[in-house]
């Protein structure tokens, strides 16, 4: 997968990745829990997978990827949304 600062696409998978927001406040603020809960209500189905949103002839999935320096101190239910290295976040997206 080729990586660009704002988006990436591959012909074989029709995958376009567009990072929109990284939370600069970090994990010391509990607002991130409310943000993730809202994201889950809008963009996930009950099993924790992303909803497929139809758009034109494509299917769109929305992901939340948050950055922190240390994922170890996070509550278990929120850990999967946090990454301490950008390469781990990109690897996660490639598997989707």
Protein backbone atom coordinates (compact mmCIF):
# COMPACT_ATOMS: atom_id res chain seq x y z
CA UNK A 1 0.00 0.00 0.00
CA UNK A 2 1.40 3.37 -0.94
CA UNK A 3 1.16 6.02 1.75
CA UNK A 4 0.49 9.67 1.17
CA UNK A 5 0.09 12.42 3.76
CA UNK A 6 -3.68 12.58 3.33
CA UNK A 7 -4.92 9.61 1.35
CA UNK A 8 -3.95 6.44 -0.40
CA UNK A 9 -5.58 4.17 -2.92
CA UNK A 10 -4.90 0.79 -4.42
CA UNK A 11 -6.58 -0.42 -7.58
CA UNK A 12 -6.73 -4.03 -6.46
CA UNK A 13 -8.75 -3.32 -3.32
CA UNK A 14 -10.31 0.08 -4.03
CA UNK A 15 -8.99 1.11 -0.62
CA UNK A 16 -8.72 4.80 0.06
CA UNK A 17 -7.35 5.86 3.44
CA UNK A 18 -7.94 9.46 4.48
CA UNK A 19 -6.72 10.41 7.95
CA UNK A 20 -8.94 13.19 9.21
CA UNK A 21 -8.11 13.77 12.89
CA UNK A 22 -5.58 12.76 15.51
CA UNK A 23 -6.48 13.69 19.09
CA UNK A 24 -3.67 15.91 20.41
CA UNK A 25 -4.92 15.87 24.01
CA UNK A 26 -3.74 12.36 24.85
CA UNK A 27 -5.14 9.81 27.26
CA UNK A 28 -5.01 11.95 30.39
CA UNK A 29 -8.32 13.54 29.33
CA UNK A 30 -11.36 11.27 29.65
CA UNK A 31 -13.21 13.03 26.82
CA UNK A 32 -11.68 10.46 24.48
CA UNK A 33 -13.96 7.81 25.99
CA UNK A 34 -17.07 9.79 25.06
CA UNK A 35 -15.67 10.42 21.58
CA UNK A 36 -15.02 6.72 21.04
CA UNK A 37 -18.45 5.78 22.44
CA UNK A 38 -20.07 8.20 19.96
CA UNK A 39 -17.96 6.82 17.12
CA UNK A 40 -19.00 3.27 18.02
CA UNK A 41 -22.69 4.24 18.05
CA UNK A 42 -22.42 5.80 14.58
CA UNK A 43 -19.90 3.66 12.72
CA UNK A 44 -19.76 0.18 14.29
CA UNK A 45 -22.14 -2.77 14.40
CA UNK A 46 -22.66 -4.75 17.59
CA UNK A 47 -19.73 -7.11 17.06
CA UNK A 48 -17.27 -4.18 16.97
CA UNK A 49 -16.76 -4.27 13.21
CA UNK A 50 -17.12 -1.15 11.08
CA UNK A 51 -20.42 -0.53 9.32
CA UNK A 52 -20.21 -0.52 5.56
CA UNK A 53 -21.75 2.75 4.40
CA UNK A 54 -22.87 2.76 0.76
CA UNK A 55 -21.70 5.75 -1.27
CA UNK A 56 -22.25 5.78 -5.02
CA UNK A 57 -20.92 2.39 -6.15
CA UNK A 58 -18.46 2.09 -3.22
CA UNK A 59 -18.63 0.86 0.34
CA UNK A 60 -17.11 3.18 2.97
CA UNK A 61 -15.81 2.28 6.44
CA UNK A 62 -14.86 4.87 9.05
CA UNK A 63 -12.04 4.15 11.52
CA UNK A 64 -10.85 6.00 14.61
CA UNK A 65 -7.09 5.86 15.16
CA UNK A 66 -5.77 7.78 18.15
CA UNK A 67 -2.14 8.35 19.09
CA UNK A 68 -0.57 8.06 22.54
CA UNK A 69 2.95 7.51 23.81
CA UNK A 70 1.92 4.47 25.88
CA UNK A 71 -1.05 2.20 25.17
CA UNK A 72 -0.46 0.06 28.26
CA UNK A 73 -2.31 2.36 30.68
CA UNK A 74 -5.55 2.45 28.69
CA UNK A 75 -8.79 0.68 29.68
CA UNK A 76 -9.22 -2.60 27.81
CA UNK A 77 -12.39 -1.54 25.99
CA UNK A 78 -10.61 1.44 24.42
CA UNK A 79 -7.13 0.06 23.67
CA UNK A 80 -7.93 -1.08 20.15
CA UNK A 81 -8.46 2.53 19.04
CA UNK A 82 -5.03 3.74 20.24
CA UNK A 83 -1.61 3.34 18.69
CA UNK A 84 1.80 4.38 19.96
CA UNK A 85 3.45 4.08 16.53
CA UNK A 86 2.17 5.25 13.16
CA UNK A 87 3.43 2.09 11.43
CA UNK A 88 1.18 0.00 13.72
CA UNK A 89 -1.83 2.13 12.74
CA UNK A 90 -1.04 1.70 9.03
CA UNK A 91 -0.59 -2.06 9.47
CA UNK A 92 -3.97 -2.18 11.19
CA UNK A 93 -5.62 -0.34 8.28
CA UNK A 94 -3.99 -2.60 5.71
CA UNK A 95 -5.65 -5.60 7.39
CA UNK A 96 -9.13 -4.13 7.08
